[in-house]
Protein backbone atom coordinates (compact mmCIF):
# COMPACT_ATOMS: atom_id res chain seq x y z
CA MET A 1 0.18 0.42 0.27
CA ALA A 2 0.88 3.05 -1.06
CA LYS A 3 2.01 5.25 1.78
CA ARG A 4 0.95 8.86 2.23
CA ASP A 5 2.46 11.97 1.27
CA PRO A 6 3.95 13.52 4.37
CA SER A 7 4.19 16.58 3.07
CA SER A 8 1.03 16.58 1.86
CA ASP A 9 -1.53 18.09 4.50
CA GLY A 10 -4.63 18.48 2.43
CA PRO A 11 -8.12 17.03 3.00
CA GLY A 12 -8.29 13.47 1.63
CA THR A 13 -5.00 11.94 -0.45
CA SER A 14 -5.15 15.67 -2.57
CA PRO A 15 -1.43 16.84 -2.69
CA SER A 16 -1.00 20.24 -0.89
CA LEU A 17 0.54 22.80 -2.78
CA ALA A 18 3.74 22.38 -1.22
CA ALA A 19 3.86 19.02 -2.14
CA ARG A 20 2.95 19.74 -5.61
CA PHE A 21 6.25 22.60 -6.17
CA ALA A 22 7.73 19.75 -4.42
CA ALA A 23 7.07 17.59 -7.39
CA SER A 24 7.43 20.22 -9.90
CA PRO A 25 10.43 20.17 -12.30
CA PRO A 26 13.28 22.37 -11.84
CA ALA A 27 11.85 24.85 -13.78
CA LEU A 28 8.68 25.58 -12.67
CA GLN A 29 10.68 25.91 -8.75
CA TRP A 30 12.89 28.50 -10.38
CA ALA A 31 10.20 30.41 -12.40
CA ALA A 32 8.83 31.01 -8.73
CA VAL A 33 11.87 31.83 -7.32
CA LEU A 34 12.32 34.21 -9.77
CA VAL A 35 8.72 35.90 -9.66
CA VAL A 36 9.05 36.01 -5.66
CA THR A 37 12.42 37.89 -6.37
CA VAL A 38 11.24 40.14 -8.96
CA VAL A 39 8.68 41.41 -6.38
CA VAL A 40 10.57 41.63 -3.37
CA THR A 41 14.29 43.51 -4.94
CA ALA A 42 11.74 45.81 -6.88
CA ALA A 43 9.99 46.41 -3.36
CA PHE A 44 14.10 47.37 -1.83
CA LEU A 45 15.26 49.15 -4.46
CA HIS A 46 11.83 51.30 -4.29
CA PHE A 47 12.37 52.25 -0.76
CA GLU A 48 16.06 52.63 -1.63
CA VAL A 49 16.94 49.44 1.03
CA PRO A 50 21.04 49.06 1.06
CA ALA A 51 22.20 46.33 -1.22
CA GLY A 52 18.86 45.55 -2.25
CA GLY A 53 19.57 43.99 -5.65
CA LEU A 54 21.52 41.34 -2.81
CA LEU A 55 18.69 40.96 -0.24
CA GLY A 56 15.62 40.97 -2.30
CA PRO A 57 17.00 37.46 -4.12
CA MET A 58 17.91 36.17 -1.06
CA PHE A 59 15.11 36.37 1.31
CA ALA A 60 13.19 35.75 -1.64
CA ALA A 61 14.86 32.54 -2.07
CA ALA A 62 14.75 31.73 2.01
CA ALA A 63 10.98 32.06 1.39
CA PHE A 64 10.82 28.69 0.35
CA CYS A 65 12.92 27.28 3.40
CA GLY A 66 9.80 24.75 4.26
CA ILE A 67 9.28 23.47 0.98
CA GLU A 68 11.14 20.90 -0.45
CA HIS A 69 13.05 21.91 -3.21
CA ARG A 70 15.33 20.39 -6.01
CA ILE A 71 17.24 23.97 -7.00
CA ARG A 72 20.06 25.12 -6.35
CA VAL A 73 22.84 27.51 -7.83
CA SER A 74 25.89 25.73 -9.12
CA ARG A 75 29.62 26.74 -8.10
CA GLY A 76 29.82 28.21 -11.49
CA PHE A 77 27.56 30.33 -11.79
CA PHE A 78 28.00 31.76 -7.90
CA HIS A 79 31.35 32.24 -9.42
CA ALA A 80 30.23 34.30 -12.22
CA GLY A 81 28.07 36.29 -9.54
CA GLN A 82 31.29 37.20 -7.68
CA CYS A 83 33.25 38.14 -10.33
CA ALA A 84 30.60 40.84 -11.22
CA VAL A 85 31.05 42.08 -8.07
CA GLY A 86 34.83 42.30 -8.24
CA CYS A 87 34.43 44.53 -11.68
CA LEU A 88 32.48 46.58 -9.44
CA ILE A 89 34.82 47.31 -6.76
CA ALA A 90 37.34 47.85 -9.68
CA SER A 91 35.32 50.39 -11.11
CA THR A 92 34.91 52.13 -7.81
CA LEU A 93 38.74 51.54 -6.15
CA PRO A 94 41.41 53.12 -7.79
CA ALA A 95 44.65 51.86 -7.65
CA GLU A 96 46.37 54.74 -5.24
CA VAL A 97 43.76 53.86 -2.70
CA LEU A 98 44.48 49.84 -2.39
CA LEU A 99 48.57 51.30 -2.56
CA ALA A 100 47.66 53.23 0.72
CA ILE A 101 46.25 49.97 2.34
CA PRO A 102 49.65 49.32 4.19
CA ASP A 103 49.38 52.03 5.98
CA TYR A 104 45.94 50.75 7.88
CA ALA A 105 48.53 47.34 8.54
CA THR A 106 48.21 47.56 12.66
CA GLU A 107 44.31 48.57 12.24
CA VAL A 108 44.15 45.78 9.59
CA VAL A 109 45.85 42.96 12.23
CA VAL A 110 43.36 44.13 15.15
CA ALA A 111 40.50 44.70 13.48
CA SER A 112 40.75 40.94 12.01
CA ALA A 113 41.95 39.63 15.49
CA LEU A 114 39.19 40.97 17.70
CA THR A 115 36.60 39.41 15.24
CA LEU A 116 38.44 35.92 15.16
CA THR A 117 38.72 36.48 19.01
CA VAL A 118 34.89 37.03 19.85
CA SER A 119 33.64 34.39 17.10
CA LEU A 120 35.70 31.86 19.47
CA LEU A 121 34.24 32.79 22.05
CA ILE A 122 30.77 32.69 21.12
CA ALA A 123 31.46 29.25 19.89
CA LYS A 124 32.99 28.72 23.49
CA ALA A 125 29.78 29.57 24.97
CA LEU A 126 27.33 27.34 22.70
CA VAL A 127 29.79 24.26 23.75
CA VAL A 128 29.39 24.98 27.63
CA THR A 129 25.92 25.87 26.88
CA GLY A 130 25.76 22.07 25.61
CA THR A 131 24.26 23.83 22.50
CA VAL A 132 26.80 22.20 20.11
CA ASP A 133 29.66 20.23 20.46
CA VAL A 134 33.01 21.41 20.06
CA ARG A 135 33.60 20.72 16.86
CA ALA A 136 30.48 21.86 15.47
CA ALA A 137 30.65 24.84 17.35
CA VAL A 138 34.68 26.11 16.01
CA TRP A 139 33.63 25.19 12.60
CA GLY A 140 30.21 26.83 12.56
CA MET A 141 31.07 29.84 14.41
CA LEU A 142 34.14 30.96 12.25
CA PRO A 143 33.59 33.58 9.90
CA GLY A 144 34.91 33.66 6.00
CA GLY A 145 34.51 31.29 3.69
CA ALA A 146 31.58 29.40 4.37
CA SER A 147 31.40 26.63 2.11
CA ALA A 148 35.45 25.95 3.13
CA MET A 149 34.29 25.41 6.80
CA ILE A 150 31.46 23.55 5.61
CA ALA A 151 33.77 20.95 4.01
CA ILE A 152 36.65 21.26 6.93
CA ALA A 153 33.64 20.19 9.21
CA ASP A 154 32.78 17.14 7.40
CA ALA A 155 35.72 16.34 6.82
CA SER A 156 36.97 15.85 10.43
CA GLY A 157 33.74 14.03 11.79
CA ALA A 158 31.37 16.99 12.72
CA ASP A 159 27.85 17.76 11.75
CA ALA A 160 28.21 19.16 8.12
CA ARG A 161 24.33 19.84 8.52
CA LEU A 162 24.73 21.92 11.46
CA VAL A 163 27.40 23.37 10.71
CA ALA A 164 26.27 24.96 7.11
CA PHE A 165 22.93 26.13 9.00
CA MET A 166 25.45 27.65 11.58
CA GLN A 167 27.68 29.20 9.23
CA TYR A 168 24.23 30.00 6.69
CA LEU A 169 22.24 31.75 9.61
CA ARG A 170 25.51 33.54 9.81
CA VAL A 171 25.86 35.14 6.38
CA ALA A 172 22.22 35.87 5.68
CA SER A 173 22.22 37.52 9.34
CA VAL A 174 25.48 39.38 9.04
CA ALA A 175 23.62 41.03 5.80
CA ALA A 176 20.12 42.24 6.44
CA THR A 177 21.89 43.57 9.60
CA ALA A 178 24.43 45.17 7.93
CA ALA A 179 22.13 46.50 5.18
CA MET A 180 19.89 48.01 7.84
CA VAL A 181 22.82 49.50 10.29
CA ALA A 182 23.87 51.41 6.70
CA HIS A 183 20.58 52.68 6.42
CA TYR A 184 19.77 53.94 9.26
CA LEU A 185 23.30 55.39 10.33
CA SER A 186 25.28 56.23 6.86
CA THR A 187 25.81 58.52 4.77
CA PRO A 188 24.33 57.33 1.22
CA GLY A 189 27.49 57.70 -1.46
CA ALA A 190 27.41 57.56 -4.54
CA ALA A 191 26.06 55.04 -6.53
CA PRO A 192 28.99 53.26 -8.93
CA VAL A 193 28.21 54.83 -12.55
CA PRO A 194 29.40 53.89 -15.73
CA VAL A 195 32.13 56.15 -17.14
CA ALA A 196 31.56 56.37 -20.96
CA HIS A 197 33.88 58.62 -23.24
CA ALA A 198 32.82 61.80 -24.43
CA ASP A 199 31.69 60.47 -27.66
CA GLY A 200 29.44 58.41 -26.02
CA ALA A 201 31.25 54.97 -26.83
CA TYR A 202 30.89 52.15 -24.75
CA GLY A 203 34.29 51.30 -23.87
CA PRO A 204 34.30 51.29 -20.16
CA TYR A 205 31.77 48.35 -20.95
CA ALA A 206 34.01 46.68 -23.79
CA VAL A 207 36.80 46.53 -20.88
CA GLY A 208 34.49 45.63 -18.10
CA ALA A 209 33.31 42.68 -20.39
CA GLY A 210 37.24 41.52 -20.83
CA VAL A 211 38.02 42.08 -17.16
CA TYR A 212 35.37 39.89 -16.41
CA VAL A 213 36.11 37.05 -19.05
CA LEU A 214 39.58 37.23 -17.50
CA GLY A 215 38.96 37.81 -13.81
CA LEU A 216 36.59 34.03 -14.56
CA VAL A 217 39.41 32.26 -16.65
CA ALA A 218 41.57 33.32 -13.61
CA ALA A 219 39.89 31.63 -11.10
CA ARG A 220 39.15 28.97 -12.89
CA PHE A 221 43.08 28.21 -12.91
CA LEU A 222 44.10 30.26 -9.70
CA PRO A 223 41.86 28.85 -6.89
CA ILE A 224 42.52 31.41 -4.18
CA PRO A 225 39.80 32.20 -1.48
CA ALA A 226 37.34 33.82 -2.99
CA GLY A 227 39.25 34.42 -6.14
CA ALA A 228 36.47 34.99 -8.67
CA MET A 229 35.52 38.04 -6.86
CA LEU A 230 39.36 38.97 -5.83
CA LEU A 231 41.08 38.72 -9.16
CA PRO A 232 38.78 40.40 -11.76
CA MET A 233 38.79 43.15 -8.72
CA LEU A 234 42.73 43.52 -9.01
CA ILE A 235 42.96 42.42 -12.40
CA GLY A 236 40.68 45.88 -13.37
CA ILE A 237 42.28 47.93 -11.11
CA ALA A 238 45.80 47.24 -12.55
CA VAL A 239 44.26 47.27 -16.20
CA GLN A 240 42.98 50.99 -15.33
CA ALA A 241 46.02 52.34 -13.63
CA VAL A 242 48.32 50.71 -16.20
CA PHE A 243 46.65 51.69 -19.59
CA GLY A 244 44.47 54.72 -18.29
CA LEU A 245 41.36 53.08 -19.45
CA HIS A 246 37.54 53.14 -17.58
CA LEU A 247 35.69 49.85 -16.45
CA ALA A 248 32.13 50.05 -16.48
CA MET A 249 29.57 47.65 -15.46
CA PRO A 250 26.02 47.17 -17.05
CA GLN A 251 23.37 47.69 -14.03
CA ALA A 252 21.68 44.23 -15.24
CA VAL A 253 24.64 42.31 -15.06
CA LEU A 254 25.02 43.65 -11.59
CA LEU A 255 21.91 42.76 -10.63
CA ALA A 256 22.60 39.28 -12.18
CA GLY A 257 25.70 39.00 -10.05
CA TYR A 258 23.80 40.34 -6.96
CA ALA A 259 21.02 37.65 -7.55
CA LEU A 260 23.00 34.83 -7.76
CA ILE A 261 24.63 35.15 -4.79
CA GLY A 262 21.45 36.05 -2.80
CA TRP A 263 19.96 32.96 -4.34
CA SER A 264 23.14 30.89 -2.88
CA VAL A 265 23.02 31.49 0.62
CA GLY A 266 18.72 31.81 0.32
CA LEU A 267 17.85 28.03 -0.91
CA ARG A 268 20.54 26.40 1.14
CA PHE A 269 17.68 27.09 4.22
CA GLU A 270 16.16 23.69 2.49
CA PRO A 271 13.52 22.11 4.44
CA ARG A 272 15.97 18.97 6.00
CA LEU A 273 17.89 21.23 7.18
CA LEU A 274 16.31 23.04 8.98
CA ARG A 275 14.74 19.82 10.57
CA ALA A 276 17.67 18.56 11.72
CA VAL A 277 18.14 21.71 13.40
CA LEU A 278 15.47 23.08 14.61
CA ALA A 279 15.75 21.72 18.40
CA ARG A 280 18.90 23.89 18.36
CA LEU A 281 16.90 26.87 16.63
CA PRO A 282 16.68 29.64 18.98
CA GLN A 283 20.25 28.62 20.68
CA LEU A 284 22.13 29.36 17.39
CA ILE A 285 19.98 32.18 15.88
CA ALA A 286 20.55 34.38 20.22
CA ALA A 287 24.39 33.01 19.11
CA THR A 288 24.09 34.68 15.95
CA VAL A 289 22.58 38.01 17.22
CA ALA A 290 25.36 37.92 20.07
CA LEU A 291 28.17 37.77 17.21
CA ILE A 292 26.80 40.47 15.29
CA ALA A 293 26.35 42.39 18.39
CA LEU A 294 29.68 42.07 20.14
CA CYS A 295 31.47 42.60 16.45
CA GLY A 296 29.59 45.63 16.34
CA LEU A 297 30.85 46.76 20.12
CA VAL A 298 34.17 46.15 18.68
CA ALA A 299 33.98 47.57 15.98
CA VAL A 300 32.92 51.00 17.96
CA ALA A 301 35.99 50.51 19.98
CA VAL A 302 38.21 49.92 17.22
CA SER A 303 36.84 53.32 15.72
CA LEU A 304 37.59 55.21 18.96
CA MET A 305 41.14 53.77 18.96
CA PHE A 306 42.32 54.45 15.46
CA GLY A 307 40.05 57.62 14.66
CA LEU A 308 38.18 55.86 11.57
CA ASP A 309 34.61 56.06 10.46
CA PRO A 310 32.30 54.08 12.66
CA MET A 311 30.29 52.48 9.39
CA THR A 312 33.51 51.62 7.34
CA CYS A 313 34.65 50.17 11.02
CA TYR A 314 31.35 48.33 11.19
CA LEU A 315 31.41 46.87 7.87
CA ALA A 316 34.73 46.09 8.26
CA MET A 317 34.36 44.33 11.67
CA SER A 318 30.96 42.50 9.93
CA PRO A 319 31.59 38.77 10.68
CA GLY A 320 29.69 38.02 7.16
CA GLY A 321 30.98 36.89 3.63
CA ILE A 322 33.35 39.55 1.87
CA ASP A 323 31.03 39.50 -1.23
CA THR A 324 27.62 40.91 0.55
CA VAL A 325 29.88 43.41 2.71
CA ALA A 326 31.07 44.72 -0.09
CA ILE A 327 28.04 45.11 -2.03
CA ILE A 328 27.22 47.13 0.71
CA ALA A 329 30.31 49.53 1.18
CA THR A 330 30.26 50.48 -2.36
CA GLY A 331 26.38 51.69 -1.90
CA ILE A 332 27.33 54.57 0.87
CA LYS A 333 30.34 56.91 1.92
CA ALA A 334 32.58 54.13 3.60
CA ASN A 335 37.14 53.60 3.15
CA LEU A 336 36.21 50.61 1.24
CA ALA A 337 40.06 50.02 0.94
CA PHE A 338 39.90 49.71 4.83
CA VAL A 339 36.68 47.63 4.32
CA LEU A 340 38.21 45.26 1.97
CA ALA A 341 41.68 44.75 3.56
CA VAL A 342 39.89 43.93 6.70
CA GLN A 343 37.76 41.43 5.19
CA ALA A 344 40.17 39.94 2.85
CA THR A 345 42.56 39.24 5.71
CA ARG A 346 40.44 37.86 8.19
CA MET A 347 39.46 35.62 5.67
CA LEU A 348 43.05 34.29 4.62
CA VAL A 349 43.64 33.81 8.31
CA THR A 350 40.03 32.02 8.37
CA LEU A 351 40.79 29.57 5.87
CA LEU A 352 44.85 28.68 5.58
CA VAL A 353 45.54 29.31 9.36
CA MET A 354 42.35 28.91 11.65
CA PRO A 355 41.54 24.95 10.67
CA PRO A 356 45.28 23.71 10.97
CA ALA A 357 45.08 25.35 14.40
CA ALA A 358 41.84 24.58 15.20
CA ARG A 359 42.61 20.99 14.61
CA ALA A 360 45.52 20.54 16.52
CA LEU A 361 43.86 22.00 19.42
CA LEU A 362 40.85 19.67 19.13
CA ARG A 363 43.14 16.91 18.61
CA ARG A 364 44.91 17.72 22.01
CA ALA A 365 41.80 18.29 23.70
CA GLY A 366 40.89 14.44 22.43
CA HIS A 367 37.74 15.60 19.92
CA LEU A 368 39.80 14.73 17.00
């Protein structure tokens, strides 16, 4: 006798709307996500929500978290989205500003170290309260390289589903919070405007297309952390500085890139993942809120200590993804060079230094 579909909650044996959606082809599921994305993103852009082009797709995709689906943004498309963000940064960040980053060496090191310290303290609190085991706490709370942390957690024997939820809850929450803080506390900056030649030619767009393609190819063969964003950014800055060219990206391409990044995060909150962490959901949300709040307080301290703009420090120390923070920073009057320097430094330390250090400590404590 055939079992009734548990996702069906309608009368008799007729499947519910959720069950019909789960059984529909991926193309129809994508169509539904796209429709919701257009509506939500249009509303965000109309009300000038910072990073509305990113948050709209993220929230739209997350709206389907309670429904089984078979769609996911592939790694290639995710990298394509990151590459668009890298080109945007290159068009707004002059080479001379990038060369000034060494002047902030002390500030970058202090800000990066404090953010990592706060993250590890929250992880310790999760272990002490018995919310998660030490391995899940360490890999789940480290800020930077969510996909890498999940892979490392799986290889170390930790609950990869739990770590995945913790990581993507952090990324989504930080993006939403940073956008709200930017909306209420910052002075809006001029949106990046594509630069055109006096004769009306589309040379800057051609340069942008070339940098975009070259950046994607470079990221394919040089697998560095966040290379799909950082490599086109560096290539674009170099091309403009060396050859005196201008780089621009069409707004439609940027919105498509934001959507790919937003969907990549939002679609990961699938029902199976939510069911696996449901019992611990309040504690994990509280830990994420505490992480964001403590990083915000530390950002205020860093701002006072070094005389830096508070909004710049807040974005620099936000424990989220470098791509989402970069999108928000480009839309306001923040020191983009400092924000990227801190975010990139912390990400590299998280990916290259923290995993072997954490494994050594866990092994010494008998958890590996």
